C-alpha atoms as a PDB file:
ATOM      1  CA  UNK A   1     -29.144  60.951 -92.291  1.00  0.00           C
ATOM      2  CA  UNK A   2     -28.529  58.040 -89.980  1.00  0.00           C
ATOM      3  CA  UNK A   3     -29.783  54.534 -90.652  1.00  0.00           C
ATOM      4  CA  UNK A   4     -32.413  54.544 -87.896  1.00  0.00           C
ATOM      5  CA  UNK A   5     -33.786  57.863 -89.193  1.00  0.00           C
ATOM      6  CA  UNK A   6     -34.119  56.378 -92.676  1.00  0.00           C
ATOM      7  CA  UNK A   7     -35.830  53.283 -91.265  1.00  0.00           C
ATOM      8  CA  UNK A   8     -38.332  55.402 -89.323  1.00  0.00           C
ATOM      9  CA  UNK A   9     -38.985  57.633 -92.318  1.00  0.00           C
ATOM     10  CA  UNK A  10     -39.503  54.592 -94.577  1.00  0.00           C
ATOM     11  CA  UNK A  11     -41.913  52.985 -92.091  1.00  0.00           C
ATOM     12  CA  UNK A  12     -43.905  56.213 -91.756  1.00  0.00           C
ATOM     13  CA  UNK A  13     -44.134  56.716 -95.523  1.00  0.00           C
ATOM     14  CA  UNK A  14     -45.188  53.104 -96.040  1.00  0.00           C
ATOM     15  CA  UNK A  15     -48.021  53.528 -93.506  1.00  0.00           C
ATOM     16  CA  UNK A  16     -49.104  56.854 -95.012  1.00  0.00           C
ATOM     17  CA  UNK A  17     -49.068  55.405 -98.498  1.00  0.00           C
ATOM     18  CA  UNK A  18     -51.343  52.524 -97.453  1.00  0.00           C
ATOM     19  CA  UNK A  19     -53.762  54.979 -95.848  1.00  0.00           C
ATOM     20  CA  UNK A  20     -53.736  57.244 -98.912  1.00  0.00           C
ATOM     21  CA  UNK A  21     -54.340  54.317-101.270  1.00  0.00           C
ATOM     22  CA  UNK A  22     -57.275  53.128 -99.154  1.00  0.00           C
ATOM     23  CA  UNK A  23     -58.789  56.629 -99.132  1.00  0.00           C
ATOM     24  CA  UNK A  24     -58.261  56.967-102.890  1.00  0.00           C
ATOM     25  CA  UNK A  25     -60.051  53.657-103.448  1.00  0.00           C
ATOM     26  CA  UNK A  26     -63.018  54.742-101.317  1.00  0.00           C
ATOM     27  CA  UNK A  27     -63.267  58.161-102.983  1.00  0.00           C
ATOM     28  CA  UNK A  28     -63.072  56.623-106.441  1.00  0.00           C
ATOM     29  CA  UNK A  29     -65.939  54.248-105.627  1.00  0.00           C
ATOM     30  CA  UNK A  30     -68.070  57.138-104.335  1.00  0.00           C
ATOM     31  CA  UNK A  31     -67.286  59.313-107.362  1.00  0.00           C
ATOM     32  CA  UNK A  32     -68.042  56.480-109.787  1.00  0.00           C
ATOM     33  CA  UNK A  33     -71.420  55.981-108.167  1.00  0.00           C
ATOM     34  CA  UNK A  34     -72.131  59.724-108.338  1.00  0.00           C
ATOM     35  CA  UNK A  35     -71.202  59.896-112.023  1.00  0.00           C
ATOM     36  CA  UNK A  36     -73.486  56.938-112.777  1.00  0.00           C
ATOM     37  CA  UNK A  37     -76.359  58.604-110.899  1.00  0.00           C
ATOM     38  CA  UNK A  38     -75.959  62.229-112.042  1.00  0.00           C
ATOM     39  CA  UNK A  39     -74.035  61.930-115.296  1.00  0.00           C
ATOM     40  CA  UNK A  40     -75.492  61.871-118.788  1.00  0.00           C
ATOM     41  CA  UNK A  41     -75.012  58.834-120.991  1.00  0.00           C
ATOM     42  CA  UNK A  42     -73.227  59.597-124.253  1.00  0.00           C
ATOM     43  CA  UNK A  43     -73.539  57.832-127.608  1.00  0.00           C
ATOM     44  CA  UNK A  44     -70.887  55.263-126.643  1.00  0.00           C
ATOM     45  CA  UNK A  45     -72.593  54.305-123.369  1.00  0.00           C
ATOM     46  CA  UNK A  46     -70.218  56.225-121.094  1.00  0.00           C
ATOM     47  CA  UNK A  47     -71.558  58.468-118.342  1.00  0.00           C
ATOM     48  CA  UNK A  48     -70.267  62.053-118.266  1.00  0.00           C
ATOM     49  CA  UNK A  49     -70.656  64.557-115.445  1.00  0.00           C
ATOM     50  CA  UNK A  50     -69.533  68.147-116.053  1.00  0.00           C
ATOM     51  CA  UNK A  51     -68.142  69.766-112.898  1.00  0.00           C
ATOM     52  CA  UNK A  52     -65.657  72.480-113.982  1.00  0.00           C
ATOM     53  CA  UNK A  53     -63.751  72.793-110.704  1.00  0.00           C
ATOM     54  CA  UNK A  54     -61.206  75.600-111.007  1.00  0.00           C
ATOM     55  CA  UNK A  55     -59.216  74.576-107.928  1.00  0.00           C
ATOM     56  CA  UNK A  56     -58.490  70.974-108.996  1.00  0.00           C
ATOM     57  CA  UNK A  57     -58.620  71.757-112.721  1.00  0.00           C
ATOM     58  CA  UNK A  58     -61.062  68.899-113.293  1.00  0.00           C
ATOM     59  CA  UNK A  59     -63.627  69.778-115.957  1.00  0.00           C
ATOM     60  CA  UNK A  60     -65.581  66.534-116.095  1.00  0.00           C
ATOM     61  CA  UNK A  61     -65.707  63.055-114.661  1.00  0.00           C
ATOM     62  CA  UNK A  62     -66.396  60.161-116.984  1.00  0.00           C
ATOM     63  CA  UNK A  63     -67.398  56.615-116.159  1.00  0.00           C
ATOM     64  CA  UNK A  64     -66.079  55.318-119.438  1.00  0.00           C
ATOM     65  CA  UNK A  65     -67.726  52.279-120.979  1.00  0.00           C
ATOM     66  CA  UNK A  66     -65.270  49.770-122.336  1.00  0.00           C
ATOM     67  CA  UNK A  67     -66.105  46.549-124.117  1.00  0.00           C
ATOM     68  CA  UNK A  68     -63.651  43.738-124.634  1.00  0.00           C
ATOM     69  CA  UNK A  69     -64.111  40.436-126.358  1.00  0.00           C
ATOM     70  CA  UNK A  70     -62.441  37.312-125.076  1.00  0.00           C
ATOM     71  CA  UNK A  71     -62.225  34.015-126.867  1.00  0.00           C
ATOM     72  CA  UNK A  72     -64.323  31.260-125.281  1.00  0.00           C
ATOM     73  CA  UNK A  73     -62.664  28.000-126.396  1.00  0.00           C
ATOM     74  CA  UNK A  74     -65.497  25.779-125.098  1.00  0.00           C
ATOM     75  CA  UNK A  75     -68.189  27.674-127.022  1.00  0.00           C
ATOM     76  CA  UNK A  76     -65.957  27.817-130.085  1.00  0.00           C
ATOM     77  CA  UNK A  77     -65.328  24.079-129.960  1.00  0.00           C
ATOM     78  CA  UNK A  78     -69.060  23.323-129.681  1.00  0.00           C
ATOM     79  CA  UNK A  79     -69.967  25.680-132.521  1.00  0.00           C
ATOM     80  CA  UNK A  80     -67.171  24.441-134.792  1.00  0.00           C
ATOM     81  CA  UNK A  81     -68.104  20.828-134.052  1.00  0.00           C
ATOM     82  CA  UNK A  82     -71.738  21.542-134.961  1.00  0.00           C
ATOM     83  CA  UNK A  83     -70.606  23.120-138.247  1.00  0.00           C
ATOM     84  CA  UNK A  84     -68.069  20.337-138.978  1.00  0.00           C
ATOM     85  CA  UNK A  85     -65.212  22.843-138.902  1.00  0.00           C
ATOM     86  CA  UNK A  86     -63.356  21.647-135.806  1.00  0.00           C
ATOM     87  CA  UNK A  87     -60.628  19.740-137.636  1.00  0.00           C
ATOM     88  CA  UNK A  88     -60.045  22.591-140.065  1.00  0.00           C
ATOM     89  CA  UNK A  89     -59.834  25.155-137.262  1.00  0.00           C
ATOM     90  CA  UNK A  90     -57.626  23.121-134.926  1.00  0.00           C
ATOM     91  CA  UNK A  91     -53.842  23.083-134.867  1.00  0.00           C
ATOM     92  CA  UNK A  92     -52.027  20.665-132.613  1.00  0.00           C
ATOM     93  CA  UNK A  93     -49.003  22.194-130.921  1.00  0.00           C
ATOM     94  CA  UNK A  94     -46.468  19.919-129.234  1.00  0.00           C
ATOM     95  CA  UNK A  95     -45.943  20.792-125.579  1.00  0.00           C
ATOM     96  CA  UNK A  96     -43.100  19.485-123.457  1.00  0.00           C
ATOM     97  CA  UNK A  97     -44.335  17.567-120.414  1.00  0.00           C
ATOM     98  CA  UNK A  98     -42.317  18.611-117.351  1.00  0.00           C
ATOM     99  CA  UNK A  99     -43.514  15.596-115.364  1.00  0.00           C
ATOM    100  CA  UNK A 100     -42.233  13.236-118.053  1.00  0.00           C
ATOM    101  CA  UNK A 101     -38.910  15.080-118.130  1.00  0.00           C
ATOM    102  CA  UNK A 102     -38.575  14.579-114.380  1.00  0.00           C
ATOM    103  CA  UNK A 103     -39.639  10.937-114.749  1.00  0.00           C
ATOM    104  CA  UNK A 104     -36.861  10.488-117.327  1.00  0.00           C
ATOM    105  CA  UNK A 105     -34.414  11.827-114.740  1.00  0.00           C
ATOM    106  CA  UNK A 106     -35.779   9.416-112.147  1.00  0.00           C
ATOM    107  CA  UNK A 107     -35.149   6.588-114.627  1.00  0.00           C
ATOM    108  CA  UNK A 108     -31.554   7.876-115.124  1.00  0.00           C
ATOM    109  CA  UNK A 109     -32.228   8.732-118.758  1.00  0.00           C
ATOM    110  CA  UNK A 110     -31.275  12.332-117.939  1.00  0.00           C
ATOM    111  CA  UNK A 111     -28.599  13.651-115.588  1.00  0.00           C
ATOM    112  CA  UNK A 112     -28.851  16.332-112.907  1.00  0.00           C
ATOM    113  CA  UNK A 113     -26.841  18.592-115.238  1.00  0.00           C
ATOM    114  CA  UNK A 114     -29.424  17.968-117.975  1.00  0.00           C
ATOM    115  CA  UNK A 115     -32.229  18.925-115.586  1.00  0.00           C
ATOM    116  CA  UNK A 116     -30.330  22.000-114.345  1.00  0.00           C
ATOM    117  CA  UNK A 117     -29.833  23.178-117.928  1.00  0.00           C
ATOM    118  CA  UNK A 118     -33.569  22.819-118.673  1.00  0.00           C
ATOM    119  CA  UNK A 119     -34.655  24.393-115.365  1.00  0.00           C
ATOM    120  CA  UNK A 120     -32.207  27.246-114.822  1.00  0.00           C
ATOM    121  CA  UNK A 121     -32.338  28.943-111.434  1.00  0.00           C
ATOM    122  CA  UNK A 122     -33.313  32.596-111.415  1.00  0.00           C
ATOM    123  CA  UNK A 123     -32.197  34.642-108.465  1.00  0.00           C
ATOM    124  CA  UNK A 124     -34.019  37.691-107.193  1.00  0.00           C
ATOM    125  CA  UNK A 125     -34.260  39.672-104.000  1.00  0.00           C
ATOM    126  CA  UNK A 126     -37.286  41.068-102.211  1.00  0.00           C
ATOM    127  CA  UNK A 127     -36.959  43.947 -99.760  1.00  0.00           C
ATOM    128  CA  UNK A 128     -38.767  42.876 -96.595  1.00  0.00           C
ATOM    129  CA  UNK A 129     -39.484  45.240 -93.740  1.00  0.00           C
ATOM    130  CA  UNK A 130     -40.296  43.316 -90.536  1.00  0.00           C
ATOM    131  CA  UNK A 131     -42.273  45.142 -87.892  1.00  0.00           C
ATOM    132  CA  UNK A 132     -43.707  44.109 -84.520  1.00  0.00           C
END
């Protein structure tokens, strides 16, 4: 296969893929809404819709309920302060200050080699396809 054929094929696939992904997103949103409307809520709070489609092999669609807990440092700090537990529950971790490191270089306390060793360059490549 010649280069120009590969380029054309790649461009066509890229366009088709974008269209397919957009259609998938739209269908998923519609199906989610349908499951929420017509499905039955189970004991865990998920919505289940039995469909048993022999052609696709899909037996049911589930809008699965998931719960996650995230730590809220502001609320935790307020609560721990109110209960006089803040000091006990706090650990101070030293963090290097990049601005101070660069300031030390500016003051000639560090060399360019020192800076280069602390900020190593990482090289990568991105495949870019430029079209009209």
